[in-house]
Amino acid sequence: MNIKDLIGEATEYDKKLVLEEKKPKSWCKSVSAFANTFGGALIFGISN
């Protein structure tokens, strides 16, 4: 995957700056959304 492909917003992936272990609701919503559609990827360490 090319970094230039990850710039901007898309429905195939979601970018999170950090994995907030003490606040799983923040990223579990994304996991649930991907599981209920066509899938996707969560990318940690990149901000919007």
N, C-alpha and C. Protein backbone atom coordinates (compact mmCIF):
# COMPACT_ATOMS: atom_id res chain seq x y z
N MET A 1 0.86 -1.17 0.00
CA MET A 1 0.00 0.00 0.00
C MET A 1 0.90 1.24 0.00
N ASN A 2 0.63 2.15 -0.89
CA ASN A 2 1.41 3.37 -1.04
C ASN A 2 0.86 4.44 -0.08
N ILE A 3 1.73 5.20 0.55
CA ILE A 3 1.30 6.24 1.48
C ILE A 3 0.45 7.30 0.80
N LYS A 4 0.70 7.56 -0.47
CA LYS A 4 -0.10 8.55 -1.20
C LYS A 4 -1.55 8.08 -1.35
N ASP A 5 -1.77 6.77 -1.33
CA ASP A 5 -3.12 6.23 -1.42
C ASP A 5 -3.89 6.43 -0.12
N LEU A 6 -3.19 6.72 0.97
CA LEU A 6 -3.82 6.84 2.28
C LEU A 6 -4.14 8.29 2.66
N ILE A 7 -3.85 9.22 1.78
CA ILE A 7 -4.11 10.63 2.05
C ILE A 7 -5.57 10.93 1.74
N GLY A 8 -6.24 11.65 2.63
CA GLY A 8 -7.64 11.98 2.43
C GLY A 8 -8.55 11.02 3.15
N GLU A 9 -9.81 11.07 2.82
CA GLU A 9 -10.80 10.21 3.46
C GLU A 9 -11.28 9.15 2.49
N ALA A 10 -11.60 8.00 3.02
CA ALA A 10 -12.11 6.91 2.19
C ALA A 10 -12.94 5.98 3.05
N THR A 11 -13.74 5.17 2.42
CA THR A 11 -14.55 4.20 3.16
C THR A 11 -13.82 2.88 3.33
N GLU A 12 -12.66 2.71 2.68
CA GLU A 12 -11.91 1.47 2.77
C GLU A 12 -11.00 1.41 3.99
N TYR A 13 -10.74 2.55 4.61
CA TYR A 13 -9.86 2.57 5.77
C TYR A 13 -10.24 3.71 6.69
N ASP A 14 -9.76 3.61 7.93
CA ASP A 14 -9.96 4.66 8.91
C ASP A 14 -8.63 4.89 9.60
N LYS A 15 -8.24 6.14 9.75
CA LYS A 15 -6.97 6.49 10.36
C LYS A 15 -7.19 6.92 11.81
N LYS A 16 -6.37 6.40 12.69
CA LYS A 16 -6.40 6.78 14.10
C LYS A 16 -4.98 7.17 14.50
N LEU A 17 -4.86 8.24 15.26
CA LEU A 17 -3.54 8.68 15.68
C LEU A 17 -2.91 7.67 16.64
N VAL A 18 -3.69 7.20 17.60
CA VAL A 18 -3.19 6.20 18.56
C VAL A 18 -4.30 5.20 18.86
N LEU A 19 -3.90 4.04 19.32
CA LEU A 19 -4.85 3.05 19.81
C LEU A 19 -5.12 3.37 21.27
N GLU A 20 -6.30 3.86 21.55
CA GLU A 20 -6.65 4.23 22.91
C GLU A 20 -7.16 2.99 23.63
N GLU A 21 -6.26 2.29 24.29
CA GLU A 21 -6.61 1.04 24.95
C GLU A 21 -7.65 1.23 26.05
N LYS A 22 -7.64 2.38 26.70
CA LYS A 22 -8.59 2.63 27.78
C LYS A 22 -9.92 3.18 27.28
N LYS A 23 -10.00 3.47 25.97
CA LYS A 23 -11.24 3.96 25.36
C LYS A 23 -11.54 3.14 24.10
N PRO A 24 -11.86 1.87 24.27
CA PRO A 24 -12.07 1.02 23.09
C PRO A 24 -13.27 1.43 22.25
N LYS A 25 -14.20 2.17 22.82
CA LYS A 25 -15.38 2.58 22.05
C LYS A 25 -14.98 3.45 20.87
N SER A 26 -13.88 4.20 21.00
CA SER A 26 -13.46 5.11 19.93
C SER A 26 -13.07 4.36 18.66
N TRP A 27 -12.43 3.20 18.79
CA TRP A 27 -12.04 2.47 17.59
C TRP A 27 -12.89 1.23 17.33
N CYS A 28 -13.62 0.77 18.33
CA CYS A 28 -14.51 -0.39 18.12
C CYS A 28 -15.66 -0.04 17.18
N LYS A 29 -16.08 1.22 17.15
CA LYS A 29 -17.12 1.63 16.20
C LYS A 29 -16.64 1.44 14.77
N SER A 30 -15.39 1.73 14.52
CA SER A 30 -14.84 1.53 13.17
C SER A 30 -14.75 0.05 12.83
N VAL A 31 -14.33 -0.76 13.78
CA VAL A 31 -14.26 -2.21 13.56
C VAL A 31 -15.63 -2.75 13.23
N SER A 32 -16.63 -2.33 13.97
CA SER A 32 -18.00 -2.77 13.74
C SER A 32 -18.51 -2.32 12.37
N ALA A 33 -18.22 -1.10 12.00
CA ALA A 33 -18.66 -0.59 10.70
C ALA A 33 -18.04 -1.39 9.56
N PHE A 34 -16.76 -1.69 9.66
CA PHE A 34 -16.10 -2.47 8.62
C PHE A 34 -16.65 -3.90 8.58
N ALA A 35 -16.94 -4.47 9.74
CA ALA A 35 -17.46 -5.83 9.81
C ALA A 35 -18.85 -5.93 9.21
N ASN A 36 -19.61 -4.85 9.28
CA ASN A 36 -20.98 -4.87 8.77
C ASN A 36 -21.10 -4.42 7.32
N THR A 37 -19.98 -4.11 6.67
CA THR A 37 -20.01 -3.70 5.26
C THR A 37 -19.07 -4.59 4.47
N PHE A 38 -18.23 -3.99 3.67
CA PHE A 38 -17.33 -4.75 2.79
C PHE A 38 -15.93 -4.90 3.35
N GLY A 39 -15.74 -4.59 4.62
CA GLY A 39 -14.42 -4.70 5.22
C GLY A 39 -13.65 -3.41 5.10
N GLY A 40 -12.43 -3.43 5.57
CA GLY A 40 -11.59 -2.25 5.52
C GLY A 40 -10.38 -2.43 6.40
N ALA A 41 -9.67 -1.36 6.62
CA ALA A 41 -8.45 -1.40 7.43
C ALA A 41 -8.43 -0.24 8.39
N LEU A 42 -7.94 -0.50 9.59
CA LEU A 42 -7.69 0.56 10.56
C LEU A 42 -6.19 0.81 10.56
N ILE A 43 -5.82 2.07 10.41
CA ILE A 43 -4.40 2.43 10.35
C ILE A 43 -4.10 3.30 11.56
N PHE A 44 -3.25 2.81 12.44
CA PHE A 44 -2.89 3.55 13.64
C PHE A 44 -1.57 4.25 13.43
N GLY A 45 -1.46 5.45 13.99
CA GLY A 45 -0.24 6.23 13.89
C GLY A 45 -0.30 7.33 12.84
N ILE A 46 -1.46 7.50 12.22
CA ILE A 46 -1.65 8.55 11.21
C ILE A 46 -2.87 9.37 11.62
N SER A 47 -2.72 10.67 11.69
CA SER A 47 -3.87 11.51 12.03
C SER A 47 -4.63 11.90 10.77
N ASN A 48 -5.87 12.33 10.96
CA ASN A 48 -6.67 12.78 9.83
C ASN A 48 -6.10 14.05 9.29
